[in-house]
Protein backbone atom coordinates (compact mmCIF):
# COMPACT_ATOMS: atom_id res chain seq x y z
CA MET A 1 0.00 0.00 0.00
CA ILE A 2 2.75 2.45 0.95
CA LYS A 3 4.67 1.56 -2.21
CA ASN A 4 1.60 2.17 -4.40
CA LEU A 5 0.91 5.47 -2.64
CA SER A 6 4.50 6.59 -3.25
CA VAL A 7 4.17 5.83 -6.95
CA LEU A 8 0.92 7.83 -7.10
CA ILE A 9 2.53 10.82 -5.38
CA ILE A 10 5.46 10.73 -7.85
CA VAL A 11 3.08 10.62 -10.84
CA LEU A 12 0.98 13.51 -9.52
CA PHE A 13 4.12 15.53 -8.85
CA CYS A 14 5.36 14.92 -12.38
CA VAL A 15 2.01 15.90 -13.95
CA ASN A 16 2.09 19.13 -11.94
CA ALA A 17 5.69 19.80 -12.96
CA PHE A 18 4.83 19.31 -16.64
CA ALA A 19 1.87 21.69 -16.30
CA GLN A 20 4.14 24.41 -14.87
CA LYS A 21 6.72 24.14 -17.63
CA THR A 22 7.56 27.45 -19.29
CA ASN A 23 9.24 28.46 -22.50
CA THR A 24 11.02 31.63 -23.56
CA SER A 25 11.25 31.11 -27.31
CA PRO A 26 9.46 33.62 -29.58
CA TYR A 27 8.93 30.78 -32.06
CA SER A 28 6.46 29.17 -29.64
CA ILE A 29 3.81 31.64 -30.86
CA LEU A 30 2.83 29.21 -33.63
CA GLY A 31 -0.13 26.84 -33.26
CA ILE A 32 0.02 24.83 -30.03
CA GLY A 33 3.57 25.98 -29.28
CA GLU A 34 7.12 24.88 -29.88
CA GLU A 35 7.37 21.13 -30.38
CA ILE A 36 9.51 19.43 -27.75
CA ALA A 37 11.67 16.68 -29.23
CA THR A 38 10.53 13.30 -27.92
CA LYS A 39 14.03 12.07 -27.22
CA THR A 40 15.58 10.27 -24.26
CA VAL A 41 18.80 11.56 -22.68
CA GLU A 42 20.67 8.86 -24.58
CA GLU A 43 19.17 9.85 -27.93
CA MET A 44 19.76 13.58 -27.38
CA SER A 45 23.40 12.85 -26.54
CA MET A 46 23.80 11.16 -29.93
CA GLY A 47 22.47 14.02 -32.05
CA GLY A 48 18.88 12.85 -31.75
CA SER A 49 19.47 9.56 -33.60
CA GLY A 50 17.36 6.70 -32.27
CA THR A 51 15.47 5.02 -35.11
CA VAL A 52 17.67 1.90 -34.89
CA GLY A 53 17.90 1.95 -31.10
CA SER A 54 20.87 2.28 -28.80
CA TYR A 55 22.64 0.17 -26.21
CA GLU A 56 20.87 -2.97 -24.94
CA ASN A 57 17.85 -2.48 -22.64
CA GLN A 58 17.92 1.27 -23.35
CA LEU A 59 14.84 3.33 -24.16
CA SER A 60 14.26 4.90 -27.58
CA PHE A 61 11.26 7.18 -28.13
CA THR A 62 11.83 7.40 -31.87
CA ASN A 63 10.89 3.85 -32.83
CA PRO A 64 8.37 1.67 -30.87
CA ALA A 65 9.85 -1.47 -32.46
CA THR A 66 12.84 -1.07 -30.09
CA TYR A 67 10.52 -1.90 -27.16
CA SER A 68 10.80 -5.59 -28.13
CA GLY A 69 14.40 -5.53 -26.85
CA PHE A 70 13.51 -5.17 -23.17
CA ARG A 71 14.80 -8.03 -21.04
CA LEU A 72 14.44 -6.29 -17.67
CA THR A 73 11.78 -4.08 -16.15
CA THR A 74 13.02 -0.52 -16.58
CA TYR A 75 12.09 2.74 -14.86
CA SER A 76 13.36 6.04 -16.15
CA ILE A 77 12.89 9.66 -15.13
CA ALA A 78 14.70 12.67 -16.57
CA GLY A 79 14.87 16.43 -16.17
CA GLN A 80 16.27 19.24 -18.26
CA ASN A 81 17.69 22.71 -17.80
CA ARG A 82 17.63 24.94 -20.89
CA GLY A 83 19.62 28.14 -21.22
CA LEU A 84 18.59 30.43 -24.07
CA THR A 85 20.06 33.59 -25.59
CA VAL A 86 17.71 35.40 -27.97
CA LYS A 87 18.96 38.30 -30.07
CA ASP A 88 18.09 40.43 -33.07
CA ALA A 89 20.12 43.12 -34.81
CA LEU A 90 19.76 45.50 -31.83
CA THR A 91 19.08 43.65 -28.56
CA THR A 92 20.04 40.47 -26.68
CA GLN A 93 18.03 38.67 -23.99
CA LYS A 94 19.02 35.69 -21.85
CA SER A 95 16.80 33.26 -19.93
CA SER A 96 16.72 29.74 -18.56
CA ASN A 97 14.15 27.25 -17.28
CA ALA A 98 14.13 23.77 -15.79
CA ASN A 99 11.51 21.04 -16.10
CA LEU A 100 10.89 17.31 -16.00
CA SER A 101 11.42 15.66 -19.40
CA TYR A 102 9.72 12.29 -19.01
CA LEU A 103 8.59 9.53 -16.69
CA ILE A 104 8.60 5.99 -18.12
CA LEU A 105 8.01 2.36 -17.19
CA GLY A 106 9.14 -0.40 -19.58
CA ILE A 107 8.20 -4.05 -19.00
CA PRO A 108 9.39 -7.15 -20.92
CA VAL A 109 6.82 -9.77 -21.93
CA GLY A 110 8.57 -13.08 -22.46
CA GLU A 111 11.66 -13.17 -24.67
CA LYS A 112 10.21 -11.44 -27.72
CA ALA A 113 8.04 -8.56 -26.58
CA GLY A 114 7.88 -5.55 -24.33
CA PHE A 115 5.74 -2.51 -23.70
CA VAL A 116 6.28 1.01 -22.37
CA PHE A 117 4.02 3.45 -20.57
CA GLY A 118 5.03 7.07 -20.08
CA LEU A 119 4.29 10.74 -19.65
CA GLN A 120 6.19 13.68 -21.16
CA PRO A 121 5.70 17.27 -22.38
CA ASN A 122 4.67 17.61 -26.02
CA THR A 123 4.73 21.34 -26.83
CA SER A 124 5.48 24.51 -24.89
CA VAL A 125 4.29 28.11 -25.22
CA GLY A 126 6.06 31.07 -23.63
CA TYR A 127 6.77 34.24 -25.57
CA SER A 128 6.56 38.02 -25.42
CA ILE A 129 7.03 39.79 -28.77
CA GLU A 130 6.69 43.50 -29.49
CA ASN A 131 5.94 44.66 -33.04
CA THR A 132 6.40 48.39 -33.82
CA ILE A 133 5.18 50.04 -37.02
CA LEU A 134 6.71 53.35 -38.14
CA ASP A 135 5.23 55.99 -40.41
CA SER A 136 6.99 57.64 -43.37
CA GLU A 137 8.79 60.04 -41.03
CA GLY A 138 10.14 57.32 -38.79
CA GLU A 139 7.69 58.00 -35.96
CA VAL A 140 5.90 55.17 -34.11
CA SER A 141 2.35 54.89 -35.44
CA GLU A 142 1.31 51.52 -33.95
CA ILE A 143 2.56 49.09 -31.31
CA SER A 144 1.41 45.49 -30.81
CA LEU A 145 2.44 43.17 -27.96
CA TYR A 146 2.05 39.40 -28.43
CA GLU A 147 2.20 37.20 -25.30
CA GLY A 148 1.52 33.53 -24.66
CA ASP A 149 1.87 30.80 -22.04
CA GLY A 150 1.01 27.12 -21.57
CA GLY A 151 1.53 24.03 -23.69
CA THR A 152 0.53 20.39 -24.09
CA ASN A 153 1.61 17.06 -22.61
CA ARG A 154 1.23 13.52 -23.84
CA VAL A 155 0.62 10.19 -22.13
CA PHE A 156 1.53 7.17 -24.25
CA LEU A 157 1.48 3.36 -24.35
CA GLY A 158 3.64 1.42 -26.80
CA ALA A 159 4.54 -2.19 -27.51
CA GLY A 160 7.16 -3.99 -29.58
CA TYR A 161 7.28 -7.60 -30.77
CA GLN A 162 9.98 -9.69 -32.47
CA VAL A 163 8.15 -11.39 -35.33
CA SER A 164 11.19 -13.31 -36.56
CA LYS A 165 14.93 -13.49 -35.99
CA GLY A 166 16.30 -10.00 -36.36
CA LEU A 167 12.97 -8.36 -37.29
CA SER A 168 10.77 -6.46 -34.80
CA VAL A 169 7.69 -4.30 -35.21
CA GLY A 170 6.09 -1.81 -32.85
CA LEU A 171 3.00 0.28 -32.22
CA GLU A 172 2.49 3.29 -29.95
CA GLY A 173 -0.59 5.34 -29.17
CA ASP A 174 -0.74 8.62 -27.27
CA TYR A 175 -3.23 11.13 -25.91
CA VAL A 176 -2.29 14.82 -26.07
CA PHE A 177 -3.84 17.38 -23.74
CA GLY A 178 -3.12 20.88 -22.46
CA ASN A 179 -4.06 24.55 -22.13
CA ILE A 180 -2.76 27.57 -24.04
CA ASP A 181 -3.32 31.27 -23.33
CA ASN A 182 -2.54 33.96 -25.91
CA SER A 183 -3.08 37.71 -25.99
CA ILE A 184 -2.49 40.63 -28.37
CA ILE A 185 -2.45 44.22 -27.14
CA ASN A 186 -2.67 46.91 -29.83
CA GLN A 187 -2.23 50.67 -29.42
CA LEU A 188 -2.55 53.27 -32.22
CA ARG A 189 -0.95 56.70 -32.00
CA ASP A 190 -3.35 59.53 -31.11
CA VAL A 191 -6.03 57.02 -30.04
CA GLN A 192 -6.92 57.21 -26.34
CA LEU A 193 -7.80 53.54 -25.82
CA GLY A 194 -6.06 50.42 -27.03
CA THR A 195 -7.50 46.95 -27.59
CA LYS A 196 -6.66 43.57 -26.10
CA TYR A 197 -7.52 40.27 -27.77
CA VAL A 198 -7.33 37.18 -25.53
CA THR A 199 -7.82 33.46 -26.23
CA ASP A 200 -7.83 30.62 -23.72
CA THR A 201 -7.71 27.27 -25.43
CA LYS A 202 -7.91 23.62 -24.39
CA VAL A 203 -6.25 21.13 -26.74
CA LYS A 204 -6.81 17.38 -26.92
CA GLY A 205 -6.45 14.51 -29.35
CA PHE A 206 -5.00 11.09 -30.11
CA GLY A 207 -1.96 10.01 -32.13
CA LEU A 208 -0.54 6.74 -33.46
CA LYS A 209 2.99 5.66 -34.37
CA THR A 210 4.26 2.44 -35.98
CA GLY A 211 7.77 1.20 -36.61
CA PHE A 212 10.05 -1.63 -37.67
CA LEU A 213 13.62 -2.62 -36.81
CA TYR A 214 15.85 -5.14 -38.57
CA LYS A 215 19.22 -6.30 -37.21
CA LYS A 216 21.65 -8.48 -39.12
CA ASP A 217 24.61 -10.11 -37.38
CA LEU A 218 27.90 -9.80 -39.26
CA LYS A 219 31.34 -11.26 -38.64
CA ASN A 220 33.50 -10.44 -35.59
CA ASP A 221 30.51 -9.43 -33.38
CA LEU A 222 29.57 -6.66 -35.80
CA TYR A 223 25.95 -5.96 -36.73
CA LEU A 224 23.94 -3.88 -39.18
CA SER A 225 20.66 -2.19 -38.25
CA LEU A 226 17.88 -0.76 -40.40
CA GLY A 227 14.81 0.92 -38.99
CA GLY A 228 11.86 3.16 -39.70
CA SER A 229 9.07 4.81 -37.73
CA PHE A 230 5.92 6.49 -38.98
CA GLU A 231 3.87 8.95 -36.95
CA LEU A 232 0.51 8.75 -38.68
CA GLU A 233 -1.39 11.89 -39.61
CA ASN A 234 -3.58 13.11 -36.77
CA GLU A 235 -5.66 16.14 -35.90
CA LEU A 236 -5.86 17.74 -32.48
CA GLU A 237 -9.06 19.55 -31.50
CA SER A 238 -9.16 22.83 -29.61
CA GLU A 239 -11.95 24.72 -27.91
CA GLY A 240 -12.07 27.76 -25.69
CA HIS A 241 -13.09 31.41 -25.57
CA GLU A 242 -12.12 34.58 -27.39
CA TYR A 243 -12.33 38.01 -25.78
CA LEU A 244 -11.80 41.45 -27.28
CA TYR A 245 -12.07 44.58 -25.15
CA SER A 246 -10.77 48.12 -24.98
CA VAL A 247 -8.08 49.02 -22.46
CA SER A 248 -6.66 52.20 -20.99
CA PHE A 249 -2.96 52.52 -20.25
CA ALA A 250 -3.17 55.72 -18.21
CA ASN A 251 -2.57 53.89 -14.93
CA GLY A 252 -1.28 50.50 -15.97
CA GLU A 253 -3.57 48.20 -17.97
CA SER A 254 -7.23 48.94 -17.15
CA PRO A 255 -10.02 47.04 -19.03
CA ARG A 256 -12.96 49.10 -20.34
CA ASP A 257 -15.69 48.00 -22.75
CA THR A 258 -16.10 44.40 -23.92
CA ILE A 259 -16.30 44.18 -27.70
CA LEU A 260 -16.29 40.40 -28.20
CA ASN A 261 -16.94 37.41 -25.93
CA VAL A 262 -17.58 34.16 -27.81
CA SER A 263 -16.81 30.45 -27.67
CA SER A 264 -14.40 29.20 -30.32
CA LYS A 265 -13.06 26.00 -31.84
CA GLY A 266 -10.05 25.10 -33.92
CA PHE A 267 -7.84 22.30 -35.20
CA TYR A 268 -4.14 21.41 -35.47
CA ASN A 269 -3.46 19.01 -38.33
CA LYS A 270 -0.13 17.21 -38.13
CA PRO A 271 0.84 15.31 -41.33
CA MET A 272 2.58 11.94 -41.21
CA LYS A 273 6.18 12.11 -40.04
CA THR A 274 8.62 9.53 -41.42
CA SER A 275 11.94 8.65 -39.75
CA LEU A 276 14.46 6.30 -41.37
CA GLY A 277 17.71 5.08 -39.87
CA ILE A 278 20.75 2.91 -40.56
CA GLY A 279 23.39 1.84 -38.07
CA VAL A 280 26.44 -0.33 -37.64
CA GLY A 281 28.23 -1.42 -34.50
CA LYS A 282 30.01 -3.99 -32.41
CA VAL A 283 28.15 -5.71 -29.56
CA LYS A 284 28.79 -4.02 -26.18
CA LYS A 285 31.58 -1.94 -27.71
CA TRP A 286 30.50 0.79 -30.12
CA ALA A 287 27.79 1.85 -32.57
CA ALA A 288 27.14 4.64 -35.07
CA SER A 289 23.85 5.53 -36.74
CA LEU A 290 22.40 8.00 -39.24
CA ASP A 291 18.76 9.17 -39.13
CA TYR A 292 16.71 11.16 -41.59
CA SER A 293 13.18 12.38 -40.88
CA PHE A 294 10.75 14.50 -42.88
CA GLN A 295 7.22 15.86 -42.60
CA ASP A 296 4.84 17.96 -44.67
CA LYS A 297 3.76 21.36 -43.35
CA ILE A 298 1.44 21.62 -40.36
CA GLU A 299 -2.00 23.14 -40.91
CA LEU A 300 -4.16 24.87 -38.34
CA GLY A 301 -7.40 26.81 -38.16
CA GLY A 302 -10.00 28.40 -35.92
CA ASN A 303 -8.74 29.66 -32.57
CA LEU A 304 -5.28 28.20 -33.24
CA LEU A 305 -4.65 30.42 -36.24
CA ASN A 306 -1.57 32.55 -35.81
CA ARG A 307 -2.37 36.28 -35.59
CA ASN A 308 1.18 37.36 -36.36
CA PRO A 309 1.79 37.89 -40.12
CA LYS A 310 5.54 37.39 -39.58
CA LEU A 311 5.32 33.62 -38.94
CA ALA A 312 4.22 30.62 -41.01
CA PHE A 313 4.76 26.85 -41.51
CA ARG A 314 6.41 24.82 -44.28
CA LYS A 315 7.81 21.28 -44.77
CA SER A 316 10.38 20.16 -42.19
CA SER A 317 13.27 17.68 -42.18
CA GLN A 318 16.23 16.62 -40.04
CA PHE A 319 19.52 14.71 -40.34
CA SER A 320 21.02 13.17 -37.18
CA LEU A 321 24.37 11.41 -36.85
CA GLY A 322 25.56 9.90 -33.58
CA GLY A 323 26.99 6.97 -31.71
CA PHE A 324 28.48 5.58 -28.50
CA TYR A 325 31.67 3.88 -27.33
CA ILE A 326 32.44 1.65 -24.33
CA PRO A 327 36.15 1.01 -23.61
CA LYS A 328 35.51 -2.29 -21.79
CA HIS A 329 31.98 -3.11 -20.60
CA ASN A 330 33.08 -5.79 -18.09
CA SER A 331 36.22 -4.11 -16.75
CA ILE A 332 37.00 -4.89 -13.11
CA SER A 333 39.99 -2.61 -12.66
CA SER A 334 38.55 0.64 -14.06
CA TYR A 335 35.12 2.19 -13.49
CA TRP A 336 35.61 4.64 -16.39
CA ASP A 337 36.17 1.77 -18.82
CA ARG A 338 32.55 0.71 -18.16
CA VAL A 339 31.13 4.17 -18.87
CA ILE A 340 29.18 4.71 -22.12
CA TYR A 341 30.51 7.74 -24.02
CA ARG A 342 28.11 9.34 -26.53
CA ALA A 343 28.33 12.12 -29.14
CA GLY A 344 26.36 13.37 -32.13
CA VAL A 345 25.40 16.20 -34.47
CA ARG A 346 22.15 17.21 -36.17
CA SER A 347 20.91 19.64 -38.81
CA GLN A 348 17.24 20.58 -39.02
CA GLN A 349 14.86 22.56 -41.18
CA THR A 350 12.28 23.32 -38.50
CA GLY A 351 9.37 24.04 -40.85
CA ILE A 352 9.06 27.56 -39.39
CA MET A 353 9.31 30.60 -41.66
CA VAL A 354 9.72 34.22 -40.56
CA ASP A 355 9.09 37.41 -42.50
CA GLY A 356 11.27 40.22 -41.17
CA THR A 357 9.27 42.86 -43.02
CA GLY A 358 5.98 41.82 -41.44
CA ASN A 359 3.97 42.24 -44.66
CA GLY A 360 3.88 38.54 -45.61
CA THR A 361 6.04 38.84 -48.74
CA GLN A 362 9.57 37.79 -47.72
CA PHE A 363 9.63 34.63 -45.63
CA ASN A 364 12.91 33.02 -44.57
CA ASP A 365 13.45 29.47 -43.26
CA VAL A 366 14.45 28.99 -39.64
CA ASN A 367 17.20 26.34 -39.52
CA ASP A 368 18.55 24.61 -36.41
CA PHE A 369 22.01 23.11 -35.92
CA GLY A 370 23.26 21.37 -32.78
CA ILE A 371 26.09 19.25 -31.43
CA SER A 372 25.79 17.00 -28.39
CA PHE A 373 27.66 14.61 -26.15
CA GLY A 374 27.01 12.68 -22.96
CA VAL A 375 27.89 9.79 -20.70
CA GLY A 376 26.11 6.81 -19.18
CA LEU A 377 27.48 6.19 -15.70
CA PRO A 378 26.98 2.61 -14.45
CA MET A 379 25.42 2.16 -11.02
CA SER A 380 25.54 -0.70 -8.54
CA ASN A 381 24.21 -3.52 -10.72
CA GLU A 382 26.02 -2.34 -13.90
CA ILE A 383 22.67 -2.32 -15.78
CA SER A 384 21.12 0.73 -14.17
CA ARG A 385 22.73 4.00 -15.22
CA LEU A 386 22.84 7.71 -14.55
CA ASN A 387 22.74 9.40 -17.95
CA LEU A 388 24.00 12.94 -18.57
CA GLY A 389 23.51 14.76 -21.86
CA PHE A 390 24.72 18.15 -23.12
CA GLU A 391 23.65 19.97 -26.27
CA PHE A 392 24.82 23.24 -27.83
CA GLY A 393 23.00 24.75 -30.78
CA LYS A 394 21.81 27.72 -32.78
CA ARG A 395 18.47 28.37 -34.44
CA GLY A 396 17.59 31.16 -36.83
CA THR A 397 19.63 34.22 -37.87
CA THR A 398 19.75 37.96 -37.27
CA ASP A 399 19.82 38.69 -41.01
CA ASN A 400 16.87 40.51 -42.62
CA GLY A 401 15.45 41.63 -39.28
CA LEU A 402 15.07 38.07 -37.93
CA ILE A 403 15.70 36.47 -34.53
CA GLU A 404 18.58 34.14 -33.59
CA GLU A 405 18.53 31.73 -30.65
CA SER A 406 21.63 30.19 -29.08
CA TYR A 407 20.89 27.45 -26.56
CA PHE A 408 22.51 25.06 -24.13
CA ASN A 409 20.52 22.04 -22.94
CA PHE A 410 21.53 19.86 -20.03
CA LYS A 411 19.59 16.66 -19.41
CA LEU A 412 19.93 14.33 -16.45
CA GLY A 413 18.24 10.93 -16.48
CA LEU A 414 18.07 8.03 -14.07
CA LEU A 415 17.50 4.59 -15.61
CA LEU A 416 16.85 1.71 -13.20
CA SER A 417 16.61 -1.86 -14.48
CA ASN A 418 15.62 -4.95 -12.55
CA LYS A 419 13.95 -8.32 -12.95
CA TRP A 420 10.41 -8.36 -11.55
CA PHE A 421 9.77 -12.09 -11.63
CA ARG A 422 12.42 -14.51 -10.44
CA LYS A 423 12.18 -18.25 -10.09
CA ARG A 424 12.07 -19.39 -6.48
CA GLU A 425 15.16 -21.38 -5.62
CA ILE A 426 13.87 -22.70 -2.25
CA ASN A 427 10.33 -24.01 -1.74
């Protein structure tokens, strides 16, 4: 009873921590917010590559077919601290935030199957953007302030099964839910009152992912891996309220007359995302893998429509290259020889476009490039590990009046593995 109560308290704490997660990226103004990469600490440390899996009994969010490889019951919890520097041609702003990244339970079923249950953040909203319009004489004629907060989480259940020697398939379903608040304050020159437009939105919906993984043993303990995962097209529903009212700024922000107060609905259509991977390695020694993923542009409507003419969606894609190395997995004399060393690099077209002019005529792609590394520190039973991951990257540019983000992510994950059911040796 006490053990079950402790688990419940941990789950409730994690749900609350996810709900309080904040973001400081101006790009989170789009749709339901900035998408949070569904990657474990191990995957992030290897450039985000994970379609063909990682070290044995390790979690991979990218491909549900890897769940068939569980041989021990596995618990994992991870947190992240993100430092962000945002700058344009004139100003620079720094911020940081910390949050829980995921909570997972993986359970083997026999020798050929396994399933995973988990909870993690899905998207995050947290921005404050000021847009100033000048007249022909260079004087301010209009000011708009865009602000937003909130995001979505996802709870998921996945299973993998080895259908034949070397070939596994997997299936994962998730439920996305969350709340998003947005507002736009507009003030015209020589007009006494401004206006404020506010939306509060609840988002929910289901998603489905399938995958396959093929491993071929080669000579000298080498192996070749091929894998693919497919996040099927899904549509999230949104509903909430829209408010429009006049405000006075004489003594702070003081609401006046209500102009609009209506219920609203919207949708967030996410096209199928395909991830393909190839890897090669030596058992319990090293591995290297290359991933490529692509997706058509996201579509949205209703109360999720972006009100900022500077931002839009397009097709997205990503290349990830990474791997790991273990000096000697069964070393007795040296602890550091049993450590897993990881590194990787990735290049991404985010699918976000920005128009520095604000008139919807000159959109520029927002690209993201990052390098990462990390370690897996063995614990008492040599199967459980403390995983540390570090990522440095840059997104966007300051050219053409755009915004550049430089970031540093630090992830810390605890992975505990054990055998739930053991044969009794004494009756």
